[in-house]
Protein backbone atom coordinates (compact mmCIF):
# COMPACT_ATOMS: atom_id res chain seq x y z
CA UNK A 1 23.19 -7.92 26.02
CA UNK A 2 20.44 -10.36 25.07
CA UNK A 3 17.78 -7.80 25.99
CA UNK A 4 19.44 -5.23 23.73
CA UNK A 5 19.58 -7.68 20.82
CA UNK A 6 15.95 -8.62 21.39
CA UNK A 7 14.97 -4.93 21.38
CA UNK A 8 16.86 -4.32 18.13
CA UNK A 9 14.98 -7.22 16.49
CA UNK A 10 11.54 -5.84 17.39
CA UNK A 11 9.46 -3.54 15.19
CA UNK A 12 7.03 -2.32 17.84
CA UNK A 13 7.21 0.70 20.14
CA UNK A 14 4.89 2.60 22.44
CA UNK A 15 3.81 4.84 19.56
CA UNK A 16 3.06 1.95 17.19
CA UNK A 17 1.29 0.02 19.95
CA UNK A 18 -0.92 3.03 20.58
CA UNK A 19 -1.51 3.40 16.86
CA UNK A 20 -2.39 -0.30 16.67
CA UNK A 21 -4.99 0.01 19.40
CA UNK A 22 -6.41 3.12 17.74
CA UNK A 23 -6.61 1.24 14.45
CA UNK A 24 -8.44 -1.67 16.06
CA UNK A 25 -10.88 0.64 17.84
CA UNK A 26 -11.58 2.57 14.64
CA UNK A 27 -12.31 -0.66 12.77
CA UNK A 28 -14.88 -1.54 15.43
CA UNK A 29 -16.51 1.84 14.83
CA UNK A 30 -16.58 1.07 11.11
CA UNK A 31 -18.26 -2.27 11.77
CA UNK A 32 -20.93 -0.60 13.90
CA UNK A 33 -21.57 2.30 11.54
CA UNK A 34 -21.26 0.21 8.38
CA UNK A 35 -23.40 -2.73 9.42
CA UNK A 36 -25.81 -1.33 12.00
CA UNK A 37 -26.30 2.43 12.18
CA UNK A 38 -25.99 3.46 8.54
CA UNK A 39 -29.09 2.93 6.39
CA UNK A 40 -29.31 0.96 3.19
CA UNK A 41 -29.12 2.88 -0.06
CA UNK A 42 -32.24 3.69 -2.06
CA UNK A 43 -30.73 2.24 -5.24
CA UNK A 44 -28.19 -0.37 -4.12
CA UNK A 45 -29.91 -1.54 -0.96
CA UNK A 46 -27.72 -3.48 1.47
CA UNK A 47 -24.95 -3.80 -1.13
CA UNK A 48 -23.95 -0.22 -0.35
CA UNK A 49 -22.20 -1.51 2.78
CA UNK A 50 -19.36 -2.71 0.56
CA UNK A 51 -18.72 0.98 -0.08
CA UNK A 52 -17.18 1.25 3.40
CA UNK A 53 -14.51 -1.25 2.44
CA UNK A 54 -14.05 -0.80 -1.29
CA UNK A 55 -13.61 2.98 -1.51
CA UNK A 56 -11.20 3.42 1.45
CA UNK A 57 -9.03 0.57 0.19
CA UNK A 58 -8.52 2.02 -3.28
CA UNK A 59 -7.77 5.44 -1.83
CA UNK A 60 -5.18 3.89 0.48
CA UNK A 61 -3.70 2.16 -2.56
CA UNK A 62 -3.56 5.45 -4.48
CA UNK A 63 -1.95 7.21 -1.54
CA UNK A 64 0.59 4.46 -1.00
CA UNK A 65 1.67 4.46 -4.64
CA UNK A 66 1.96 8.25 -4.63
CA UNK A 67 4.23 7.99 -1.58
CA UNK A 68 6.27 5.38 -3.44
CA UNK A 69 6.61 7.74 -6.41
CA UNK A 70 7.60 10.75 -4.30
CA UNK A 71 10.21 8.88 -2.29
CA UNK A 72 11.50 7.13 -5.40
CA UNK A 73 11.98 10.50 -7.06
CA UNK A 74 13.82 11.78 -4.01
CA UNK A 75 15.96 8.64 -4.05
CA UNK A 76 16.99 9.22 -7.66
CA UNK A 77 17.82 12.84 -6.87
CA UNK A 78 19.66 12.44 -3.55
CA UNK A 79 20.81 8.85 -2.93
CA UNK A 80 24.10 9.14 -4.82
CA UNK A 81 25.31 12.06 -2.69
CA UNK A 82 23.66 11.00 0.58
CA UNK A 83 23.65 7.18 0.86
CA UNK A 84 22.14 7.04 4.36
CA UNK A 85 19.25 9.26 3.31
CA UNK A 86 18.89 7.17 0.17
CA UNK A 87 18.43 3.98 2.18
CA UNK A 88 15.71 5.66 4.24
CA UNK A 89 13.94 6.91 1.11
CA UNK A 90 14.14 3.45 -0.46
CA UNK A 91 12.67 1.79 2.62
CA UNK A 92 9.73 4.18 2.68
CA UNK A 93 9.11 3.67 -1.05
CA UNK A 94 9.25 -0.11 -0.72
CA UNK A 95 7.06 -0.37 2.36
CA UNK A 96 4.46 2.00 0.87
CA UNK A 97 4.37 -0.05 -2.34
CA UNK A 98 3.77 -3.25 -0.40
CA UNK A 99 0.87 -1.63 1.45
CA UNK A 100 -0.48 -0.37 -1.85
CA UNK A 101 -0.32 -3.81 -3.45
CA UNK A 102 -2.14 -5.42 -0.51
CA UNK A 103 -4.91 -2.82 -0.58
CA UNK A 104 -5.21 -3.00 -4.36
CA UNK A 105 -5.65 -6.75 -4.13
CA UNK A 106 -8.35 -6.32 -1.48
CA UNK A 107 -9.97 -3.65 -3.66
CA UNK A 108 -10.21 -6.10 -6.53
CA UNK A 109 -11.72 -8.77 -4.28
CA UNK A 110 -14.31 -6.43 -2.74
CA UNK A 111 -15.05 -5.00 -6.17
CA UNK A 112 -15.68 -8.49 -7.55
CA UNK A 113 -18.16 -9.17 -4.74
CA UNK A 114 -19.88 -5.86 -5.36
CA UNK A 115 -19.95 -6.54 -9.10
CA UNK A 116 -21.60 -9.91 -8.53
CA UNK A 117 -24.42 -8.15 -6.67
CA UNK A 118 -24.90 -5.17 -8.99
CA UNK A 119 -23.86 -6.55 -12.40
CA UNK A 120 -24.61 -10.23 -11.89
CA UNK A 121 -21.00 -11.28 -12.58
CA UNK A 122 -17.78 -11.15 -10.60
CA UNK A 123 -15.72 -9.70 -13.42
CA UNK A 124 -16.03 -7.60 -16.55
CA UNK A 125 -13.19 -6.28 -18.71
CA UNK A 126 -14.33 -2.81 -17.80
CA UNK A 127 -11.95 0.15 -18.20
CA UNK A 128 -11.66 0.77 -14.44
CA UNK A 129 -11.19 -2.90 -13.60
CA UNK A 130 -8.69 -3.52 -16.37
CA UNK A 131 -6.50 -0.54 -15.50
CA UNK A 132 -6.65 -1.47 -11.82
CA UNK A 133 -5.42 -4.99 -12.59
CA UNK A 134 -2.64 -3.47 -14.69
CA UNK A 135 -1.69 -1.26 -11.74
CA UNK A 136 -1.69 -4.27 -9.43
CA UNK A 137 0.52 -6.34 -11.74
CA UNK A 138 2.89 -3.42 -12.37
CA UNK A 139 3.58 -2.90 -8.68
CA UNK A 140 3.95 -6.64 -8.14
CA UNK A 141 6.71 -6.40 -10.73
CA UNK A 142 8.20 -3.47 -8.84
CA UNK A 143 8.30 -5.52 -5.64
CA UNK A 144 9.83 -8.47 -7.50
CA UNK A 145 12.52 -6.17 -8.89
CA UNK A 146 13.40 -5.09 -5.37
CA UNK A 147 14.19 -8.72 -4.50
CA UNK A 148 16.55 -9.43 -7.39
CA UNK A 149 20.18 -9.96 -6.37
CA UNK A 150 22.26 -6.90 -7.22
CA UNK A 151 24.25 -4.12 -5.64
CA UNK A 152 21.82 -2.46 -3.16
CA UNK A 153 22.15 1.01 -4.68
CA UNK A 154 21.77 -0.24 -8.25
CA UNK A 155 18.79 -2.39 -7.30
CA UNK A 156 17.08 0.45 -5.47
CA UNK A 157 17.71 2.88 -8.32
CA UNK A 158 16.22 0.48 -10.87
CA UNK A 159 13.18 -0.02 -8.65
CA UNK A 160 12.80 3.73 -8.18
CA UNK A 161 12.76 4.31 -11.93
CA UNK A 162 10.14 1.59 -12.39
CA UNK A 163 8.04 3.16 -9.63
CA UNK A 164 8.16 6.54 -11.34
CA UNK A 165 7.09 4.98 -14.64
CA UNK A 166 4.28 3.03 -12.95
CA UNK A 167 2.86 6.27 -11.55
CA UNK A 168 1.65 7.18 -15.05
CA UNK A 169 -1.13 4.61 -14.66
CA UNK A 170 -2.58 6.15 -11.47
CA UNK A 171 -4.55 8.99 -13.13
CA UNK A 172 -5.62 6.59 -15.87
CA UNK A 173 -7.13 4.26 -13.27
CA UNK A 174 -8.86 7.10 -11.43
CA UNK A 175 -10.28 8.92 -14.46
CA UNK A 176 -11.04 5.84 -16.57
CA UNK A 177 -14.74 6.07 -15.65
CA UNK A 178 -14.80 9.62 -17.05
CA UNK A 179 -12.71 9.01 -20.17
CA UNK A 180 -14.38 5.82 -21.40
CA UNK A 181 -17.81 4.23 -21.32
CA UNK A 182 -17.69 1.94 -18.33
CA UNK A 183 -19.95 -0.18 -16.14
CA UNK A 184 -18.16 1.04 -13.04
CA UNK A 185 -19.91 3.91 -11.32
CA UNK A 186 -18.26 7.31 -11.11
CA UNK A 187 -16.72 8.93 -8.05
CA UNK A 188 -18.92 8.82 -4.95
CA UNK A 189 -17.98 12.39 -4.04
CA UNK A 190 -16.93 15.04 -6.56
CA UNK A 191 -16.27 18.74 -6.12
CA UNK A 192 -19.18 20.89 -7.22
CA UNK A 193 -21.63 18.00 -7.54
CA UNK A 194 -24.23 16.77 -5.10
CA UNK A 195 -23.18 13.44 -3.51
CA UNK A 196 -25.24 10.48 -4.64
CA UNK A 197 -25.45 9.10 -1.09
CA UNK A 198 -27.21 10.36 2.03
CA UNK A 199 -25.34 12.12 4.84
CA UNK A 200 -25.55 9.03 7.08
CA UNK A 201 -23.79 6.93 4.45
CA UNK A 202 -21.18 9.62 3.81
CA UNK A 203 -20.40 9.92 7.54
CA UNK A 204 -19.94 6.14 7.78
CA UNK A 205 -17.68 6.31 4.72
CA UNK A 206 -15.60 9.02 6.38
CA UNK A 207 -15.15 6.85 9.47
CA UNK A 208 -14.06 3.99 7.21
CA UNK A 209 -11.49 6.15 5.40
CA UNK A 210 -9.99 7.27 8.73
CA UNK A 211 -9.94 3.71 10.10
CA UNK A 212 -8.25 2.15 7.08
CA UNK A 213 -5.77 5.03 6.94
CA UNK A 214 -4.73 4.28 10.53
CA UNK A 215 -4.40 0.59 9.71
CA UNK A 216 -2.29 1.33 6.63
CA UNK A 217 -0.07 3.70 8.61
CA UNK A 218 0.45 1.07 11.31
CA UNK A 219 1.28 -1.60 8.75
CA UNK A 220 3.60 0.74 6.84
CA UNK A 221 5.64 1.66 9.92
CA UNK A 222 6.13 -1.97 10.86
CA UNK A 223 7.00 -2.93 7.30
CA UNK A 224 9.58 -0.14 7.15
CA UNK A 225 11.22 -1.47 10.30
CA UNK A 226 11.17 -5.03 9.00
CA UNK A 227 12.93 -3.90 5.81
CA UNK A 228 15.57 -2.21 7.95
CA UNK A 229 16.08 -5.40 9.96
CA UNK A 230 16.36 -7.39 6.74
CA UNK A 231 19.07 -5.01 5.53
CA UNK A 232 20.97 -5.40 8.80
CA UNK A 233 20.78 -9.19 8.52
CA UNK A 234 21.95 -9.02 4.89
CA UNK A 235 24.90 -6.82 5.85
CA UNK A 236 25.83 -9.13 8.71
CA UNK A 237 25.69 -12.09 6.35
CA UNK A 238 28.01 -10.33 3.90
CA UNK A 239 30.43 -9.44 6.69
CA UNK A 240 30.45 -13.03 7.93
CA UNK A 241 31.07 -14.32 4.40
CA UNK A 242 33.98 -11.89 3.95
CA UNK A 243 35.46 -12.89 7.30
CA UNK A 244 35.16 -16.56 6.38
CA UNK A 245 36.93 -16.00 3.05
CA UNK A 246 39.72 -14.10 4.77
CA UNK A 247 40.12 -16.90 7.28
CA UNK A 248 40.33 -19.43 4.45
CA UNK A 249 42.94 -17.28 2.71
CA UNK A 250 45.03 -17.04 5.88
CA UNK A 251 44.88 -20.81 6.38
CA UNK A 252 45.88 -21.39 2.78
CA UNK A 253 48.85 -19.06 3.03
């Protein structure tokens, strides 16, 4: 019995353990390629090594917020008629948003370090930076909304609507360097244009994107399972409170 309860309270499995080891191994590859084997850039010098952290992180953030939007839309469409499916959709949306917020925060930190090297300052109210901060704050608000006390369905529906509204800012963040004059450089790789970096740097960047994607997937799976365990604990607490009130009513009668 105790072993079963302990198993139910765990978020790991053979698949996630394997994924975790793969994530760790891929990060080691990124360290080797990013710091040792890849050359310095002709224009940015050694500062280009921040590329292997900064770019994958913002793409993970974009992807996470898109997942949040898709699953939030599905929640709005299906949760009322299929509550069990709705809870699954809400968990995926919430866990993806948390991953996105973490990676957006790390993007801002790495970007500030890169800015200090290339611009001479940690921060400028540049169009890309400003819209990214707005995105970060918006999804922090989304996560805060998910924690407010309310009926679970009502709370999740409100959060889903906010997530769908917040998605409007994603293309603004991405295309801000094209729409406005900005200090931030444009996309490193664009369709139809010659990349501004050498093949060695691009290969190292590809390794970094794969590695951080594996890490984000591993974190997202565990966070989903933690949210599920939190829901179970909340339900058990409600059931215990109801049972206690009934017992008090029986004693009083």
